[in-house]
C-alpha atoms as a PDB file:
ATOM      1  CA  MET A   1     106.277  41.264 187.379  1.00  0.00           C
ATOM      2  CA  LYS A   2     104.729  38.943 189.962  1.00  0.00           C
ATOM      3  CA  ASN A   3     102.776  41.843 191.509  1.00  0.00           C
ATOM      4  CA  SER A   4     101.558  42.888 188.062  1.00  0.00           C
ATOM      5  CA  ILE A   5     100.215  39.398 187.431  1.00  0.00           C
ATOM      6  CA  LYS A   6      98.511  39.366 190.850  1.00  0.00           C
ATOM      7  CA  LEU A   7      97.000  42.782 190.190  1.00  0.00           C
ATOM      8  CA  LEU A   8      95.780  41.689 186.763  1.00  0.00           C
ATOM      9  CA  THR A   9      94.280  38.550 188.284  1.00  0.00           C
ATOM     10  CA  ILE A  10      92.528  40.566 190.992  1.00  0.00           C
ATOM     11  CA  SER A  11      91.316  43.059 188.391  1.00  0.00           C
ATOM     12  CA  LEU A  12      89.904  40.283 186.251  1.00  0.00           C
ATOM     13  CA  LEU A  13      88.253  38.677 189.266  1.00  0.00           C
ATOM     14  CA  ILE A  14      86.584  41.923 190.222  1.00  0.00           C
ATOM     15  CA  ILE A  15      85.359  42.486 186.691  1.00  0.00           C
ATOM     16  CA  LEU A  16      84.074  38.935 186.489  1.00  0.00           C
ATOM     17  CA  SER A  17      82.354  39.026 189.875  1.00  0.00           C
ATOM     18  CA  VAL A  18      80.925  42.535 190.124  1.00  0.00           C
ATOM     19  CA  PRO A  19      77.688  42.012 192.087  1.00  0.00           C
ATOM     20  CA  LEU A  20      76.186  45.284 190.863  1.00  0.00           C
ATOM     21  CA  TYR A  21      74.534  43.997 187.737  1.00  0.00           C
ATOM     22  CA  ALA A  22      72.920  40.764 186.674  1.00  0.00           C
ATOM     23  CA  ASP A  23      73.742  41.139 182.959  1.00  0.00           C
ATOM     24  CA  ASP A  24      77.158  41.566 181.398  1.00  0.00           C
ATOM     25  CA  ASP A  25      79.175  42.272 184.522  1.00  0.00           C
ATOM     26  CA  ASN A  26      82.392  42.521 182.516  1.00  0.00           C
ATOM     27  CA  ASP A  27      81.086  45.149 180.151  1.00  0.00           C
ATOM     28  CA  GLU A  28      79.461  47.171 182.913  1.00  0.00           C
ATOM     29  CA  ALA A  29      82.572  47.277 185.108  1.00  0.00           C
ATOM     30  CA  LYS A  30      84.682  48.249 182.117  1.00  0.00           C
ATOM     31  CA  ARG A  31      82.172  50.934 181.160  1.00  0.00           C
ATOM     32  CA  LEU A  32      82.177  52.343 184.695  1.00  0.00           C
ATOM     33  CA  VAL A  33      85.969  52.666 184.655  1.00  0.00           C
ATOM     34  CA  GLU A  34      86.124  54.075 181.128  1.00  0.00           C
ATOM     35  CA  SER A  35      83.376  56.620 181.808  1.00  0.00           C
ATOM     36  CA  GLY A  36      85.113  57.810 184.952  1.00  0.00           C
ATOM     37  CA  GLU A  37      82.268  56.696 187.207  1.00  0.00           C
ATOM     38  CA  ILE A  38      84.704  54.581 189.225  1.00  0.00           C
ATOM     39  CA  LEU A  39      88.463  54.570 189.676  1.00  0.00           C
ATOM     40  CA  GLU A  40      90.627  51.778 188.363  1.00  0.00           C
ATOM     41  CA  LEU A  41      91.238  49.053 190.910  1.00  0.00           C
ATOM     42  CA  GLU A  42      94.994  49.709 190.913  1.00  0.00           C
ATOM     43  CA  VAL A  43      94.436  53.263 192.219  1.00  0.00           C
ATOM     44  CA  VAL A  44      92.284  52.060 195.112  1.00  0.00           C
ATOM     45  CA  LEU A  45      94.639  49.199 195.969  1.00  0.00           C
ATOM     46  CA  GLN A  46      97.491  51.702 196.305  1.00  0.00           C
ATOM     47  CA  LYS A  47      95.371  53.771 198.717  1.00  0.00           C
ATOM     48  CA  ALA A  48      94.589  50.631 200.719  1.00  0.00           C
ATOM     49  CA  ARG A  49      98.280  49.741 200.970  1.00  0.00           C
ATOM     50  CA  GLU A  50      99.046  53.237 202.273  1.00  0.00           C
ATOM     51  CA  ILE A  51      96.553  52.674 205.101  1.00  0.00           C
ATOM     52  CA  GLN A  52      97.298  49.035 205.927  1.00  0.00           C
ATOM     53  CA  THR A  53     100.081  46.771 204.708  1.00  0.00           C
ATOM     54  CA  GLY A  54      99.286  43.176 203.901  1.00  0.00           C
ATOM     55  CA  LYS A  55      98.352  40.611 201.305  1.00  0.00           C
ATOM     56  CA  ILE A  56      95.173  41.284 199.325  1.00  0.00           C
ATOM     57  CA  LEU A  57      92.761  38.400 199.885  1.00  0.00           C
ATOM     58  CA  GLU A  58      89.617  39.613 198.146  1.00  0.00           C
ATOM     59  CA  VAL A  59      88.224  42.627 196.322  1.00  0.00           C
ATOM     60  CA  GLU A  60      84.535  43.297 195.759  1.00  0.00           C
ATOM     61  CA  LEU A  61      82.734  46.077 193.976  1.00  0.00           C
ATOM     62  CA  GLU A  62      79.289  46.670 195.446  1.00  0.00           C
ATOM     63  CA  LYS A  63      76.522  49.223 195.302  1.00  0.00           C
ATOM     64  CA  LYS A  64      75.330  50.482 198.684  1.00  0.00           C
ATOM     65  CA  ALA A  65      73.003  53.415 199.354  1.00  0.00           C
ATOM     66  CA  GLY A  66      73.424  54.663 195.806  1.00  0.00           C
ATOM     67  CA  LYS A  67      77.236  54.606 195.949  1.00  0.00           C
ATOM     68  CA  ILE A  68      79.617  52.153 194.374  1.00  0.00           C
ATOM     69  CA  ILE A  69      82.054  50.822 196.966  1.00  0.00           C
ATOM     70  CA  TYR A  70      85.317  48.911 196.664  1.00  0.00           C
ATOM     71  CA  GLU A  71      85.658  46.448 199.552  1.00  0.00           C
ATOM     72  CA  ILE A  72      89.211  45.213 199.993  1.00  0.00           C
ATOM     73  CA  GLU A  73      90.020  42.396 202.378  1.00  0.00           C
ATOM     74  CA  LEU A  74      93.650  41.985 203.351  1.00  0.00           C
ATOM     75  CA  LEU A  75      95.790  39.878 205.643  1.00  0.00           C
ATOM     76  CA  THR A  76      98.431  41.710 207.696  1.00  0.00           C
ATOM     77  CA  PRO A  77     101.875  40.246 208.369  1.00  0.00           C
ATOM     78  CA  ASN A  78     100.762  39.401 211.936  1.00  0.00           C
ATOM     79  CA  GLY A  79      97.753  37.404 210.693  1.00  0.00           C
ATOM     80  CA  THR A  80      94.957  39.930 211.226  1.00  0.00           C
ATOM     81  CA  VAL A  81      92.352  40.324 208.487  1.00  0.00           C
ATOM     82  CA  PHE A  82      90.937  43.768 207.759  1.00  0.00           C
ATOM     83  CA  GLU A  83      88.252  44.956 205.359  1.00  0.00           C
ATOM     84  CA  LEU A  84      88.802  48.436 203.974  1.00  0.00           C
ATOM     85  CA  LYS A  85      86.015  50.253 202.140  1.00  0.00           C
ATOM     86  CA  PHE A  86      86.537  53.006 199.577  1.00  0.00           C
ATOM     87  CA  ASP A  87      84.205  55.157 197.522  1.00  0.00           C
ATOM     88  CA  ALA A  88      84.825  53.739 194.036  1.00  0.00           C
ATOM     89  CA  LYS A  89      84.328  57.112 192.361  1.00  0.00           C
ATOM     90  CA  THR A  90      86.530  59.302 194.550  1.00  0.00           C
ATOM     91  CA  GLY A  91      88.826  56.787 196.210  1.00  0.00           C
ATOM     92  CA  LYS A  92      87.923  58.229 199.613  1.00  0.00           C
ATOM     93  CA  HIS A  93      88.608  55.804 202.457  1.00  0.00           C
ATOM     94  CA  LEU A  94      85.272  55.121 204.167  1.00  0.00           C
ATOM     95  CA  SER A  95      86.133  52.595 206.846  1.00  0.00           C
ATOM     96  CA  THR A  96      88.442  49.893 208.117  1.00  0.00           C
ATOM     97  CA  GLU A  97      87.033  46.957 210.040  1.00  0.00           C
ATOM     98  CA  LYS A  98      88.832  44.092 211.712  1.00  0.00           C
ATOM     99  CA  GLU A  99      87.367  40.800 210.554  1.00  0.00           C
ATOM    100  CA  ASP A 100      86.638  37.999 213.025  1.00  0.00           C
END
């Protein structure tokens, strides 16, 4: 239950802070998911957890070079912060970078 609430909170934050569009971010993010243009956040978070365990710190949805990208920042149990990037449409893992 606690994880569901966290996931819902993260989902709402991403919908409310999608930097792709200046107008109606909520409606646009919802439309992108419903139209199949991007995967639901929950699907991508599961992929991220399969690659790197840790606590999700931040999720962003950005448009780069014509692609929509999920950027997931997480804190590992040993205190290292990583940023994982995924293609929002396919869920393909694009990169993992250690944050300073």
